[in-house]
Every structure is written in C-alpha cells, then in structure tokens.
Amino acid sequence: MSEIRKKIEARTQKNFFTEMMFLANTTGVDQKEYIKNIINLAELLEGYLRQRDLIRKVDFEPNKYWKSIATKKTVYNIDGGQLSLSIPGSASFGIRVGVLKNRPGDKSDNWCDFSESQTLTTNLVDRDNSHYEQQEEEFIMKYDKMLTGSRMIMEASEVIKQQLGKGKWDKPSTNDIIYLHGPIAYESTMYHLATDEENPIPPFKKEFCQTLFPDLNNVFFKDLKKKELDIEFRYFLPLYSEILKQIQASKIPTYGVVERIGGVVSPGPVTNAVLDELFHHQSNKTFGRLYELNWKKLDRTWDVKPVGTKSDGIKIEEKFKKRAVKDDIIFDLILDPGEYIKPVQVIKQLQKKWPQGKYSYQQLFTQLAEPFSTFLKVSEDKRPLRIETLNILDSYDEDMKLTFHSARLLPQYCFPLGLDTVDKLSKVPSWLRNSMRGNYINNLLRKTLESNASKQQINMVLKSFVSGRNWWVRPK
C-alpha cells in the first residue's frame, strides 16, 4: 500500500467524516464500500493534481513570516450580520456590516481600527411601488431571502468602498489585502425575488441603493447610470451584478473565505470544475461547465494537457454522482497542511436558472462575474477553507501565505484571526441579547402567572422559551 493511500485512509477516521458515512447509510449505501470508493477517488484525484503540478505548498514559518511583513501590509476584514435578539417570535430588525482594519507588526496606537454601518429593515424596501401580501410561510421565506440578499449586497458594497478608500480610511495599496467573511460571489438568481408577478417582494428604496455605490457615474451597467436607479434596477440581480463587476475590476487583492460548506451535491462545484479542467470531458451541447463557459465567453482556467480521455472523465464524474461527498471532504483527504490547489473558475450563475419574463435582465448574464476558488488546508484537525476571488493577481501565492499564517494564530479554530474578530464585533453582543431575553422571559412568565393561567397554558409558555423544541413530540 502506498504512503499516499495510507494517509488518505487515516483521514477517513476523523470525526467530521462521520456525517458523510451517516448520509451514505441513509441512502442505502454500504458504508465500507462507500469509504473504499471515496478513498479510491481521492487517491486518483490527488495523483492527477500532483502530476500536473496543480498543488501549491505554504511552509509554516511564523517568526520569519510575520517579521518579513511587519508594518508593510494592511488587512481589511469585512463581515455582516442581521440585527436580532434572542427573543421567541422576534424578527430581524436590521443589518449590520463591520470592517476591522489592522496592520501586522505595527506597535503604534493606530495598529487596529473598527468601522461599522447599519440599516434598519424598514429602510430597505420601497413599499410605495409594489403591492405584496404577507401570506403565511410563503411570505416568510421570501422575507428571509430578502434579508439575506440585502446583507450580501451591503457586505459586497462595503468591499467596493474599502477598495476605493470611500470608507473611514484612505484607499489601500495593491500590497494590502481585503478579506470578506463568506463567498465572494453567491448564486444570485435565488435571491432575485422580482419575478413573482402576483406577490413580489418590493424593490429596494432608491436612498438605500444610492448608498451602495460610492460613484454612480462610474458603473459598468450603463443603464443603471442613465435611468438613475428606476424601479427595474432596484432589485437584487442588477445591483449585485454591478457590485461584483466593480469588485472584479479592482487591483486590490480581495478574497472571500468560507469556513462551512453547505449542500450535498456530488461532485461539488470545485470538484466538478477540477474534473473538467483535468479531462476536458464536459460537452458544449449540455448544461455542463463548458456550456456555461462558452455562454460567458470564458476559457478554461488551467493550461494543462488532459490527464485522460473524455470517457475517463465522464466515468469518474459518474462515480462521484453515486457517492455523496462534499468539496471540503474530498480536498481534506487530498491535501496536507499548508497545501492548496491552483485556483479554478467555478460557475455559479447558471443559464438554465436565469429568471425569465419581467425583470429578467438577460443582458447581465454574460457580464456577471464568476469566482476562482481554491481549498487551503490549515490543519489536519480542521476542514480546509474555501477561498474565492474574482480576479487572480500576481500576489495570489503571497496572499495564500498570509491567509495560512493568519489562520494558524487561533489554536482551536483554523480561520483568519481578523475575520474571526470582525465576526464577533458585527453581531449584537451576547450580553445585550441575553439580558434582554432574560428580562423578556421573566416579565412574560410573571404576567402568565398573574393571569391565573392553567397548568397547560403555563407549560406552553415554558416550552416557547426553549430553542430546538423537537422534544415537544417525543414519546413518553
């Protein structure tokens, strides 16, 4: 047995691999056979990537590295969150975006600074220009998506402001770096809620949209400038498309860092792109990656010779489809600590999912920026990070070195220190949430007792205070 295979087999014993085994069991797949096949796929993919020199390595040299960049680089960390309280039945009442700027090695009082912006939900949408009914679960789902989309827009807009020096601080140099907590680009069509003609979410307010762009005279989507944010341009899709295009045009290194990978699609988006780059097997006649690349007039990312025939690539892709394995799992099996794959372009904006009819913005489809993704493994104890960018610059490898060393600063949590800090600063403090929740519960319980409520009513009130209430229906 090769050393590589021994290493991969050992990694399948990690705790976080158990969830994949559980998923295999629920789908009726034999667990031993499942693990054996995943090991085979990981070993095969690892060999192809190293054969084509597509895996990079960062050496962990903290003393040497931090001294080498001391006071030479400023790091901007951006994260957002919803303003909400831990009170039963309460909804989010706003969105908050924070920016933490720090300069490694700077011992002055200005080595670190924080800035934040907030928007109440009442200031987001223009109810005067759209009628909607707050109907039960359907509306709640739309409302939640609208809030999530609003947060994404505000976070991405903050990236532009920092790139242009339109925030609290001066414009960064090309030697500096900007981190965004989460993907640099999302699948945008799922947040475009303007296509439901019977019950649409209202457009965003013009005042809110104007705060997103530091300079409306400098936009890629020319109609946005010409019509001065008429209703049709105040929905998620045109706003988000314009913001991503402006981020892509900047020469300031900008990365989205993702710590938790959702979904169970196999192969995952990065694995799918890697397979297509290695085998050139996806056809232009189907809704595959090559089809989408040609629609957008994009080339494949890697200039490498195929490692096998098209039929070989199709067979391996089919093997992945039969076995649920997420991107972070497969790359955890492949990579050693400090290693990352050469970035590959992932297609998130699919032509088949693009909205039709009113407000479809077909002219935007080929313009919408697509991210380049990699996986960086920080430690054997944690899953690798997915790192995205819209523009691969000459500083890419140096930026991965900074990301790696920054993520090693937290002993129990492999994530860039600045992003972990701004994540905490951008949320309603726990002491405020907990104290308000405590006062709310005490007052509600006192009112219930004073009302001479029945034992059943009191029990219902007590149950409403408990999060994760699955135990309600447990058999006794």
Protein backbone atom coordinates (compact mmCIF):
# COMPACT_ATOMS: atom_id res chain seq x y z
CA MET A 1 0.00 0.00 0.00
CA SER A 2 1.36 3.43 -0.98
CA GLU A 3 2.07 6.10 1.64
CA ILE A 4 -0.50 8.37 -0.02
CA ARG A 5 -3.24 5.77 0.35
CA LYS A 6 -2.31 5.12 3.99
CA LYS A 7 -2.58 8.85 4.67
CA ILE A 8 -5.97 9.12 2.96
CA GLU A 9 -7.30 6.08 4.82
CA ALA A 10 -6.19 7.56 8.14
CA ARG A 11 -8.04 10.79 7.34
CA THR A 12 -11.33 8.94 6.89
CA GLN A 13 -11.24 8.24 10.65
CA LYS A 14 -11.75 11.91 11.51
CA ASN A 15 -14.89 12.88 13.37
CA PHE A 16 -16.22 15.15 10.64
CA PHE A 17 -16.08 12.32 8.10
CA THR A 18 -18.77 10.56 10.14
CA GLU A 19 -21.52 12.76 8.71
CA MET A 20 -20.71 11.51 5.20
CA MET A 21 -20.92 7.92 6.44
CA PHE A 22 -24.28 8.71 8.03
CA LEU A 23 -25.50 10.20 4.74
CA ALA A 24 -24.32 7.09 2.91
CA ASN A 25 -26.23 4.92 5.36
CA THR A 26 -29.47 6.88 4.97
CA THR A 27 -29.28 6.44 1.18
CA GLY A 28 -28.89 2.67 1.50
CA VAL A 29 -25.20 2.57 0.51
CA ASP A 30 -22.90 0.07 2.22
CA GLN A 31 -20.57 2.11 4.44
CA LYS A 32 -17.45 0.01 3.90
CA GLU A 33 -17.95 0.08 0.16
CA TYR A 34 -18.63 3.81 0.31
CA ILE A 35 -15.39 4.58 2.17
CA LYS A 36 -13.38 2.32 -0.14
CA ASN A 37 -14.68 4.11 -3.23
CA ILE A 38 -14.12 7.58 -1.76
CA ILE A 39 -10.53 6.63 -0.90
CA ASN A 40 -10.01 5.40 -4.47
CA LEU A 41 -11.40 8.65 -5.92
CA ALA A 42 -9.30 10.81 -3.57
CA GLU A 43 -6.13 8.87 -4.37
CA LEU A 44 -6.81 9.12 -8.11
CA LEU A 45 -7.55 12.86 -8.00
CA GLU A 46 -4.53 13.54 -5.77
CA GLY A 47 -2.25 11.79 -8.26
CA TYR A 48 -3.60 13.75 -11.22
CA LEU A 49 -3.26 17.10 -9.43
CA ARG A 50 0.35 16.44 -8.41
CA GLN A 51 1.18 15.05 -11.83
CA ARG A 52 0.15 18.38 -13.39
CA ASP A 53 1.80 20.43 -10.60
CA LEU A 54 -1.52 21.92 -9.51
CA ILE A 55 -0.95 21.76 -5.75
CA ARG A 56 0.95 24.57 -4.03
CA LYS A 57 2.60 24.48 -0.60
CA VAL A 58 2.99 27.09 2.14
CA ASP A 59 5.70 26.43 4.70
CA PHE A 60 4.73 27.29 8.26
CA GLU A 61 7.41 29.75 9.43
CA PRO A 62 5.57 32.14 11.78
CA ASN A 63 8.55 34.04 13.23
CA LYS A 64 10.21 34.56 9.89
CA TYR A 65 6.97 35.35 8.06
CA TRP A 66 5.49 37.90 10.46
CA LYS A 67 8.80 39.72 10.71
CA SER A 68 9.03 39.87 6.90
CA ILE A 69 5.68 41.67 6.50
CA ALA A 70 5.73 43.74 9.70
CA THR A 71 4.13 47.17 9.07
CA LYS A 72 4.24 46.52 5.29
CA LYS A 73 0.69 45.29 4.80
CA THR A 74 -2.73 46.45 5.97
CA VAL A 75 -5.51 43.87 6.29
CA TYR A 76 -9.19 44.79 5.93
CA ASN A 77 -11.67 42.26 7.33
CA ILE A 78 -15.37 42.59 6.42
CA ASP A 79 -18.35 40.74 7.81
CA GLY A 80 -22.04 41.40 8.27
CA GLY A 81 -24.97 40.05 10.19
CA GLN A 82 -28.59 40.61 10.99
CA LEU A 83 -29.57 42.74 13.96
CA SER A 84 -31.80 40.47 16.03
CA LEU A 85 -32.49 39.49 19.61
CA SER A 86 -32.84 36.04 21.14
CA ILE A 87 -36.49 36.55 21.98
CA PRO A 88 -39.14 33.99 20.95
CA GLY A 89 -41.05 35.24 17.91
CA SER A 90 -38.77 38.23 17.27
CA ALA A 91 -37.68 39.04 13.71
CA SER A 92 -34.52 40.71 12.48
CA PHE A 93 -34.87 44.46 12.63
CA GLY A 94 -31.77 45.49 10.72
CA ILE A 95 -28.50 44.62 9.03
CA ARG A 96 -25.06 45.48 10.31
CA VAL A 97 -21.73 45.40 8.45
CA GLY A 98 -18.39 45.76 10.23
CA VAL A 99 -14.87 46.40 8.95
CA LEU A 100 -11.77 45.67 11.02
CA LYS A 101 -8.52 47.20 9.78
CA ASN A 102 -5.24 46.05 11.26
CA ARG A 103 -1.57 46.29 10.39
CA PRO A 104 0.58 43.31 11.49
CA GLY A 105 3.74 44.39 13.31
CA ASP A 106 2.57 47.97 13.87
CA LYS A 107 3.11 48.85 17.55
CA SER A 108 1.52 52.29 17.41
CA ASP A 109 -1.93 53.15 18.74
CA ASN A 110 -3.28 53.04 15.18
CA TRP A 111 -2.39 49.41 14.51
CA CYS A 112 -6.08 48.43 14.64
CA ASP A 113 -9.38 50.23 13.99
CA PHE A 114 -13.04 49.29 13.51
CA SER A 115 -15.85 50.78 11.46
CA GLU A 116 -19.49 49.76 11.12
CA SER A 117 -22.66 50.66 9.25
CA GLN A 118 -26.27 49.74 9.99
CA THR A 119 -29.54 49.75 8.10
CA LEU A 120 -32.97 49.08 9.59
CA THR A 121 -35.22 46.71 7.66
CA THR A 122 -37.81 49.49 7.36
CA ASN A 123 -35.29 51.46 5.28
CA LEU A 124 -34.62 48.65 2.80
CA VAL A 125 -37.67 48.21 0.60
CA ASP A 126 -39.89 50.65 -1.29
CA ARG A 127 -43.42 49.60 -0.37
CA ASP A 128 -44.98 52.52 -2.27
CA ASN A 129 -44.02 50.98 -5.63
CA SER A 130 -45.08 47.39 -5.12
CA HIS A 131 -48.06 45.68 -3.54
CA TYR A 132 -47.46 42.49 -1.60
CA GLU A 133 -49.40 40.35 0.81
CA GLN A 134 -47.82 38.95 3.96
CA GLN A 135 -49.15 35.46 3.40
CA GLU A 136 -48.07 32.80 5.86
CA GLU A 137 -44.96 30.69 5.14
CA GLU A 138 -44.50 31.78 1.52
CA PHE A 139 -44.02 35.39 2.51
CA ILE A 140 -41.78 34.49 5.45
CA MET A 141 -39.47 32.53 3.12
CA LYS A 142 -39.32 35.47 0.71
CA TYR A 143 -38.73 37.89 3.55
CA ASP A 144 -35.84 35.80 4.90
CA LYS A 145 -34.30 35.61 1.42
CA MET A 146 -34.73 39.36 1.01
CA LEU A 147 -32.88 39.99 4.28
CA THR A 148 -30.11 37.57 3.32
CA GLY A 149 -29.79 39.19 -0.11
CA SER A 150 -29.72 42.64 1.47
CA ARG A 151 -26.89 41.58 3.78
CA MET A 152 -24.95 40.13 0.84
CA ILE A 153 -25.37 43.37 -1.10
CA MET A 154 -24.26 45.50 1.84
CA GLU A 155 -21.19 43.34 2.52
CA ALA A 156 -20.13 43.35 -1.13
CA SER A 157 -20.77 47.10 -1.36
CA GLU A 158 -18.51 47.60 1.66
CA VAL A 159 -15.75 45.85 -0.28
CA ILE A 160 -16.05 48.48 -3.05
CA LYS A 161 -15.96 51.33 -0.53
CA GLN A 162 -12.78 49.99 1.05
CA GLN A 163 -11.17 49.34 -2.34
CA LEU A 164 -11.83 52.97 -3.36
CA GLY A 165 -10.99 54.49 0.02
CA LYS A 166 -14.56 55.77 0.41
CA GLY A 167 -15.00 54.39 3.92
CA LYS A 168 -13.38 55.52 7.15
CA TRP A 169 -9.81 55.16 5.90
CA ASP A 170 -7.63 56.06 2.93
CA LYS A 171 -7.51 53.93 -0.19
CA PRO A 172 -5.47 50.73 0.33
CA SER A 173 -2.48 49.93 -1.84
CA THR A 174 -2.09 46.89 -4.08
CA ASN A 175 0.19 45.50 -1.36
CA ASP A 176 -2.71 45.39 1.11
CA ILE A 177 -5.47 42.77 1.25
CA ILE A 178 -9.23 42.64 1.83
CA TYR A 179 -11.00 39.62 3.33
CA LEU A 180 -14.75 39.02 3.22
CA HIS A 181 -16.28 36.50 5.61
CA GLY A 182 -18.13 34.16 3.25
CA PRO A 183 -18.21 33.67 -0.53
CA ILE A 184 -17.01 36.49 -2.73
CA ALA A 185 -19.97 35.68 -5.01
CA TYR A 186 -23.23 33.84 -4.40
CA GLU A 187 -25.63 32.16 -6.78
CA SER A 188 -27.59 35.34 -7.32
CA THR A 189 -30.75 34.10 -9.05
CA MET A 190 -32.13 32.54 -5.86
CA TYR A 191 -32.23 35.99 -4.23
CA HIS A 192 -33.86 37.73 -7.21
CA LEU A 193 -37.45 37.96 -5.97
CA ALA A 194 -38.88 40.24 -8.66
CA THR A 195 -40.18 37.53 -10.99
CA ASP A 196 -43.30 36.64 -8.99
CA GLU A 197 -45.80 39.00 -10.61
CA GLU A 198 -48.65 38.06 -8.26
CA ASN A 199 -46.87 38.62 -4.96
CA PRO A 200 -43.37 40.08 -5.37
CA ILE A 201 -41.13 41.48 -2.70
CA PRO A 202 -40.98 45.29 -3.20
CA PRO A 203 -37.92 46.88 -4.84
CA PHE A 204 -35.19 48.39 -2.72
CA LYS A 205 -35.53 52.04 -1.80
CA LYS A 206 -33.69 54.48 -4.03
CA GLU A 207 -31.96 56.01 -0.99
CA PHE A 208 -30.66 52.59 0.06
CA CYS A 209 -29.41 51.80 -3.46
CA GLN A 210 -27.58 55.11 -3.70
CA THR A 211 -25.59 54.26 -0.56
CA LEU A 212 -24.28 51.08 -2.24
CA PHE A 213 -22.23 52.85 -4.90
CA PRO A 214 -19.57 55.41 -3.97
CA ASP A 215 -19.75 56.80 -7.53
CA LEU A 216 -22.81 56.22 -9.74
CA ASN A 217 -21.02 57.97 -12.60
CA ASN A 218 -18.58 55.08 -12.83
CA VAL A 219 -20.63 51.95 -13.47
CA PHE A 220 -20.39 49.04 -15.90
CA PHE A 221 -24.12 48.60 -16.31
CA LYS A 222 -24.68 51.85 -18.26
CA ASP A 223 -28.47 51.75 -17.97
CA LEU A 224 -28.01 51.99 -14.22
CA LYS A 225 -26.44 55.39 -14.70
CA LYS A 226 -28.75 56.55 -17.46
CA LYS A 227 -32.02 55.82 -15.68
CA GLU A 228 -30.81 56.86 -12.23
CA LEU A 229 -31.99 53.80 -10.36
CA ASP A 230 -35.52 53.45 -11.72
CA ILE A 231 -37.58 50.64 -10.22
CA GLU A 232 -36.37 47.96 -12.63
CA PHE A 233 -32.77 48.48 -11.44
CA ARG A 234 -33.64 48.42 -7.73
CA TYR A 235 -33.84 44.64 -7.41
CA PHE A 236 -31.20 42.22 -6.25
CA LEU A 237 -29.91 41.00 -9.60
CA PRO A 238 -28.86 44.27 -11.28
CA LEU A 239 -27.47 45.71 -8.04
CA TYR A 240 -25.47 42.62 -7.17
CA SER A 241 -24.21 42.23 -10.75
CA GLU A 242 -22.90 45.79 -10.77
CA ILE A 243 -21.24 45.42 -7.37
CA LEU A 244 -19.44 42.19 -8.35
CA LYS A 245 -18.26 43.78 -11.59
CA GLN A 246 -16.73 46.69 -9.68
CA ILE A 247 -15.02 44.32 -7.20
CA GLN A 248 -13.60 42.36 -10.11
CA ALA A 249 -12.15 45.49 -11.73
CA SER A 250 -10.11 46.45 -8.66
CA LYS A 251 -6.40 45.68 -8.37
CA ILE A 252 -6.62 45.40 -4.58
CA PRO A 253 -6.31 41.70 -3.58
CA THR A 254 -9.78 40.70 -2.36
CA TYR A 255 -10.85 37.26 -1.12
CA GLY A 256 -13.93 35.59 0.30
CA VAL A 257 -13.13 32.97 2.93
CA VAL A 258 -15.69 30.22 3.56
CA GLU A 259 -15.43 28.06 6.66
CA ARG A 260 -18.54 25.88 6.34
CA ILE A 261 -19.51 24.21 3.08
CA GLY A 262 -23.22 23.57 2.64
CA GLY A 263 -25.08 21.29 0.27
CA VAL A 264 -24.62 17.63 -0.61
CA VAL A 265 -24.26 17.88 -4.39
CA SER A 266 -21.61 15.46 -5.63
CA PRO A 267 -19.32 16.27 -7.23
CA GLY A 268 -19.27 19.68 -5.56
CA PRO A 269 -18.76 22.82 -7.67
CA VAL A 270 -14.99 22.94 -7.16
CA THR A 271 -14.52 19.20 -7.71
CA ASN A 272 -16.68 19.45 -10.83
CA ALA A 273 -14.51 22.28 -12.18
CA VAL A 274 -11.30 20.39 -11.33
CA LEU A 275 -12.50 17.27 -13.18
CA ASP A 276 -13.41 19.31 -16.25
CA GLU A 277 -10.02 21.06 -16.24
CA LEU A 278 -8.16 17.74 -15.89
CA PHE A 279 -10.10 15.75 -18.51
CA HIS A 280 -11.76 18.36 -20.77
CA HIS A 281 -14.70 15.99 -20.78
CA GLN A 282 -17.74 18.22 -20.41
CA SER A 283 -19.59 18.87 -23.66
CA ASN A 284 -20.78 22.20 -25.01
CA LYS A 285 -24.06 20.54 -26.02
CA THR A 286 -25.30 20.05 -22.47
CA PHE A 287 -25.80 22.26 -19.43
CA GLY A 288 -22.29 21.46 -18.23
CA ARG A 289 -19.40 23.70 -17.25
CA LEU A 290 -18.06 24.09 -20.79
CA TYR A 291 -21.54 25.13 -21.93
CA GLU A 292 -21.60 27.88 -19.30
CA LEU A 293 -18.03 28.98 -20.04
CA ASN A 294 -18.86 29.39 -23.72
CA TRP A 295 -22.03 31.32 -22.91
CA LYS A 296 -19.92 33.77 -20.91
CA LYS A 297 -17.00 33.73 -23.38
CA LEU A 298 -14.61 32.40 -20.72
CA ASP A 299 -11.71 30.00 -21.20
CA ARG A 300 -10.80 27.05 -19.02
CA THR A 301 -8.57 28.13 -16.15
CA TRP A 302 -5.68 25.68 -16.29
CA ASP A 303 -3.39 25.46 -19.29
CA VAL A 304 -2.60 21.77 -18.86
CA LYS A 305 -2.86 18.72 -21.07
CA PRO A 306 -5.73 16.35 -20.23
CA VAL A 307 -4.73 13.54 -17.89
CA GLY A 308 -7.01 11.08 -19.68
CA THR A 309 -9.69 10.75 -22.31
CA LYS A 310 -13.13 12.36 -22.20
CA SER A 311 -14.68 8.99 -21.42
CA ASP A 312 -12.33 8.64 -18.43
CA GLY A 313 -13.54 11.98 -17.09
CA ILE A 314 -17.19 11.04 -17.58
CA LYS A 315 -16.68 7.75 -15.71
CA ILE A 316 -15.04 9.47 -12.72
CA GLU A 317 -17.76 12.14 -12.64
CA GLU A 318 -20.40 9.39 -12.59
CA LYS A 319 -18.61 7.73 -9.67
CA PHE A 320 -18.83 10.98 -7.72
CA LYS A 321 -22.53 11.31 -8.54
CA LYS A 322 -23.20 7.91 -7.00
CA ARG A 323 -21.47 8.82 -3.72
CA ALA A 324 -22.31 11.95 -1.76
CA VAL A 325 -19.04 13.69 -0.89
CA LYS A 326 -18.67 17.44 -0.41
CA ASP A 327 -15.79 19.51 -1.74
CA ASP A 328 -14.20 20.14 1.64
CA ILE A 329 -14.19 16.41 2.45
CA ILE A 330 -12.52 15.31 -0.78
CA PHE A 331 -9.86 18.03 -0.57
CA ASP A 332 -9.22 17.28 3.10
CA LEU A 333 -8.36 13.72 2.02
CA ILE A 334 -6.08 15.00 -0.75
CA LEU A 335 -4.21 17.94 0.80
CA ASP A 336 -1.56 18.15 3.51
CA PRO A 337 -1.48 21.11 5.96
CA GLY A 338 -0.27 24.24 4.16
CA GLU A 339 -1.29 22.96 0.72
CA TYR A 340 -3.84 24.45 -1.65
CA ILE A 341 -4.87 23.74 -5.22
CA LYS A 342 -4.22 26.17 -8.04
CA PRO A 343 -7.38 28.34 -8.26
CA VAL A 344 -10.03 27.20 -10.70
CA GLN A 345 -13.00 29.14 -12.03
CA VAL A 346 -16.35 27.94 -10.71
CA ILE A 347 -19.61 28.73 -12.49
CA LYS A 348 -22.26 29.85 -10.00
CA GLN A 349 -24.59 31.79 -12.29
CA LEU A 350 -26.22 29.07 -14.40
CA GLN A 351 -28.00 29.93 -17.62
CA LYS A 352 -30.78 27.40 -17.00
CA LYS A 353 -31.62 29.08 -13.66
CA TRP A 354 -31.63 32.62 -15.01
CA PRO A 355 -35.01 34.33 -14.48
CA GLN A 356 -37.40 34.78 -17.38
CA GLY A 357 -40.13 37.28 -18.10
CA LYS A 358 -40.32 40.70 -16.46
CA TYR A 359 -37.08 41.93 -14.90
CA SER A 360 -35.06 39.04 -16.32
CA TYR A 361 -32.00 41.18 -17.21
CA GLN A 362 -30.77 38.84 -19.94
CA GLN A 363 -28.10 41.37 -20.90
CA LEU A 364 -26.49 40.90 -17.48
CA PHE A 365 -25.94 37.16 -17.75
CA THR A 366 -22.67 37.24 -19.68
CA GLN A 367 -21.39 40.16 -17.58
CA LEU A 368 -21.90 38.64 -14.14
CA ALA A 369 -18.53 37.86 -12.57
CA GLU A 370 -17.64 34.25 -11.74
CA PRO A 371 -15.24 33.39 -8.89
CA PHE A 372 -11.97 31.50 -8.87
CA SER A 373 -11.84 29.02 -5.99
CA THR A 374 -9.24 27.05 -4.10
CA PHE A 375 -9.12 24.96 -0.94
CA LEU A 376 -6.43 25.75 1.62
CA LYS A 377 -5.75 23.18 4.31
CA VAL A 378 -4.64 24.82 7.55
CA SER A 379 -4.55 21.85 9.91
CA GLU A 380 -5.22 18.13 9.99
CA ASP A 381 -7.76 18.76 12.74
CA LYS A 382 -9.99 21.10 10.72
CA ARG A 383 -11.59 21.04 7.31
CA PRO A 384 -9.86 23.08 4.61
CA LEU A 385 -11.02 26.62 3.88
CA ARG A 386 -12.58 27.52 0.55
CA ILE A 387 -11.11 30.78 -0.69
CA GLU A 388 -12.63 32.73 -3.57
CA THR A 389 -11.58 35.73 -5.61
CA LEU A 390 -12.92 37.45 -8.72
CA ASN A 391 -9.52 38.44 -10.01
CA ILE A 392 -6.30 36.40 -9.79
CA LEU A 393 -3.44 38.85 -9.27
CA ASP A 394 0.33 38.38 -9.20
CA SER A 395 0.20 38.45 -5.39
CA TYR A 396 -2.03 35.35 -5.18
CA ASP A 397 0.55 32.95 -3.71
CA GLU A 398 1.74 35.55 -1.20
CA ASP A 399 -1.88 36.20 -0.24
CA MET A 400 -2.38 32.49 0.43
CA LYS A 401 0.70 32.59 2.67
CA LEU A 402 -0.83 35.41 4.71
CA THR A 403 -4.16 33.58 4.91
CA PHE A 404 -2.48 30.40 6.11
CA HIS A 405 -0.36 32.07 8.80
CA SER A 406 -3.29 34.21 9.97
CA ALA A 407 -5.50 31.12 10.31
CA ARG A 408 -2.82 29.41 12.42
CA LEU A 409 -2.98 32.17 15.04
CA LEU A 410 -6.10 30.62 16.58
CA PRO A 411 -5.08 27.32 18.22
CA GLN A 412 -8.52 25.69 18.31
CA TYR A 413 -10.12 27.37 15.29
CA CYS A 414 -8.41 27.43 11.89
CA PHE A 415 -9.77 30.66 10.43
CA PRO A 416 -8.11 34.04 9.72
CA LEU A 417 -7.87 35.90 13.02
CA GLY A 418 -9.16 39.21 11.68
CA LEU A 419 -12.29 37.60 10.22
CA ASP A 420 -12.98 35.76 13.46
CA THR A 421 -12.70 39.07 15.33
CA VAL A 422 -14.90 41.12 12.98
CA ASP A 423 -17.47 38.30 13.03
CA LYS A 424 -17.87 38.84 16.77
CA LEU A 425 -17.84 42.63 16.50
CA SER A 426 -20.54 42.62 13.78
CA LYS A 427 -23.13 40.86 15.90
CA VAL A 428 -25.40 42.12 18.64
CA PRO A 429 -23.30 41.48 21.78
CA SER A 430 -24.30 38.35 23.68
CA TRP A 431 -24.55 40.27 26.95
CA LEU A 432 -27.21 42.51 25.37
CA ARG A 433 -29.12 39.65 23.71
CA ASN A 434 -29.07 37.50 26.84
CA SER A 435 -30.05 40.28 29.25
CA MET A 436 -32.98 41.36 27.08
CA ARG A 437 -34.05 37.75 26.61
CA GLY A 438 -33.88 37.20 30.37
CA ASN A 439 -35.98 40.28 31.12
CA TYR A 440 -38.49 39.35 28.44
CA ILE A 441 -38.89 35.79 29.78
CA ASN A 442 -39.25 36.95 33.38
CA ASN A 443 -41.89 39.53 32.50
CA LEU A 444 -43.87 37.15 30.29
CA LEU A 445 -43.78 34.39 32.91
CA ARG A 446 -44.86 36.81 35.65
CA LYS A 447 -47.78 38.05 33.53
CA THR A 448 -48.79 34.47 32.80
CA LEU A 449 -48.80 33.50 36.49
CA GLU A 450 -50.66 36.66 37.48
CA SER A 451 -53.39 35.86 34.94
CA ASN A 452 -54.30 32.64 36.77
CA ALA A 453 -53.39 30.62 33.69
CA SER A 454 -53.96 26.87 33.68
CA LYS A 455 -51.13 24.39 34.10
CA GLN A 456 -51.33 23.56 30.39
CA GLN A 457 -51.02 27.22 29.42
CA ILE A 458 -48.03 27.69 31.72
CA ASN A 459 -46.34 24.64 30.20
CA MET A 460 -46.88 26.05 26.71
CA VAL A 461 -45.27 29.34 27.73
CA LEU A 462 -42.29 27.50 29.24
CA LYS A 463 -41.87 25.46 26.07
CA SER A 464 -41.83 28.62 23.95
CA PHE A 465 -38.67 29.71 25.78
CA VAL A 466 -36.75 26.63 24.70
CA SER A 467 -34.80 26.66 21.44
CA GLY A 468 -34.71 23.48 19.42
CA ARG A 469 -38.11 22.26 20.57
CA ASN A 470 -38.09 18.80 18.97
CA TRP A 471 -38.63 17.25 22.40
CA TRP A 472 -42.22 18.51 22.29
CA VAL A 473 -43.31 15.50 20.26
CA ARG A 474 -41.08 12.86 21.80
CA PRO A 475 -42.99 9.82 23.08
CA LYS A 476 -43.14 9.48 26.87
